[in-house]
Amino acid sequence: MTISSEKFREALRLFPAGVTIVTIKSPSQEQPHGLTVSAFASISPEPPLIMIAIDHRASGHEMLEEEGAVFAVNILSQEMSELSN
């Protein structure tokens, strides 16, 4: 049985997930770049490791791959959800 991509997206919209904004600063860009990321997970407390998933076509992905790039993860509260829209 297969499912259409539209039905798949509809089903995933029903799954509650936290929203984060990842801010990236790379040596080649003067201004930081921010993007909304819903795929964020804690991997390990020691050492502290996280995972974020960014589409390879997103502009922030290329910036993050640059040597010397840094990023920050901002976890939004429900009251801050408008920032991610």
Protein backbone atom coordinates (compact mmCIF):
# COMPACT_ATOMS: atom_id res chain seq x y z
CA MET A 1 0.00 0.00 0.00
CA THR A 2 1.33 3.42 -0.91
CA ILE A 3 0.37 6.84 0.38
CA SER A 4 0.42 10.06 -1.59
CA SER A 5 2.81 12.80 -0.49
CA GLU A 6 -0.21 15.03 0.19
CA LYS A 7 -1.79 12.47 2.54
CA PHE A 8 1.59 11.90 4.19
CA ARG A 9 1.98 15.63 4.91
CA GLU A 10 -1.60 15.78 6.23
CA ALA A 11 -0.86 12.95 8.65
CA LEU A 12 2.37 14.53 9.87
CA ARG A 13 0.59 17.83 10.54
CA LEU A 14 -1.37 16.00 13.25
CA PHE A 15 1.83 15.06 15.10
CA PRO A 16 2.68 17.73 17.68
CA ALA A 17 6.29 18.84 17.58
CA GLY A 18 8.27 21.63 19.13
CA VAL A 19 9.56 24.36 16.87
CA THR A 20 13.04 25.80 16.93
CA ILE A 21 14.74 28.58 15.04
CA VAL A 22 18.33 27.84 14.07
CA THR A 23 20.53 30.87 13.53
CA ILE A 24 23.68 30.33 11.45
CA LYS A 25 26.68 32.64 11.07
CA SER A 26 29.25 31.76 8.45
CA PRO A 27 32.52 33.49 7.52
CA SER A 28 31.24 34.29 4.01
CA GLN A 29 28.10 36.15 5.20
CA GLU A 30 27.97 39.41 7.13
CA GLN A 31 24.52 38.79 8.58
CA PRO A 32 23.37 35.67 10.44
CA HIS A 33 20.73 33.55 8.73
CA GLY A 34 17.75 32.07 10.59
CA LEU A 35 15.45 29.24 9.62
CA THR A 36 12.61 27.35 11.26
CA VAL A 37 13.48 23.75 12.09
CA SER A 38 11.02 21.21 13.45
CA ALA A 39 13.46 18.26 13.39
CA PHE A 40 15.58 18.82 16.49
CA ALA A 41 16.61 16.17 19.00
CA SER A 42 18.89 15.63 21.94
CA ILE A 43 21.41 12.89 21.16
CA SER A 44 23.58 12.81 24.28
CA PRO A 45 23.93 14.75 27.53
CA GLU A 46 27.63 13.81 27.88
CA PRO A 47 29.10 15.08 25.72
CA PRO A 48 26.23 17.46 24.94
CA LEU A 49 25.13 16.58 21.39
CA ILE A 50 22.06 17.58 19.41
CA MET A 51 20.73 16.80 15.95
CA ILE A 52 19.01 19.22 13.60
CA ALA A 53 17.71 18.31 10.16
CA ILE A 54 17.98 20.94 7.44
CA ASP A 55 16.99 20.30 3.82
CA HIS A 56 20.14 20.29 1.69
CA ARG A 57 18.42 22.77 -0.66
CA ALA A 58 17.90 25.32 2.13
CA SER A 59 20.19 28.35 2.02
CA GLY A 60 21.26 27.75 5.62
CA HIS A 61 22.56 24.26 4.79
CA GLU A 62 25.37 25.58 2.59
CA MET A 63 26.31 28.19 5.19
CA LEU A 64 26.46 25.55 7.92
CA GLU A 65 28.88 23.44 5.89
CA GLU A 66 31.44 26.27 5.70
CA GLU A 67 34.56 25.95 7.80
CA GLY A 68 34.25 28.26 10.79
CA ALA A 69 30.45 28.40 10.69
CA VAL A 70 28.64 28.51 14.03
CA PHE A 71 24.98 28.07 14.92
CA ALA A 72 22.56 28.57 17.79
CA VAL A 73 19.32 26.71 18.45
CA ASN A 74 16.47 28.81 19.84
CA ILE A 75 13.65 26.73 21.35
CA LEU A 76 10.35 28.59 21.00
CA SER A 77 7.64 28.68 23.61
CA GLN A 78 4.00 28.53 22.51
CA GLU A 79 3.76 32.32 22.93
CA MET A 80 6.64 32.75 20.46
CA SER A 81 5.18 30.60 17.67
CA GLU A 82 4.52 33.65 15.48
CA LEU A 83 8.30 34.01 15.03
CA SER A 84 8.41 30.76 13.08
CA ASN A 85 5.75 31.79 10.54
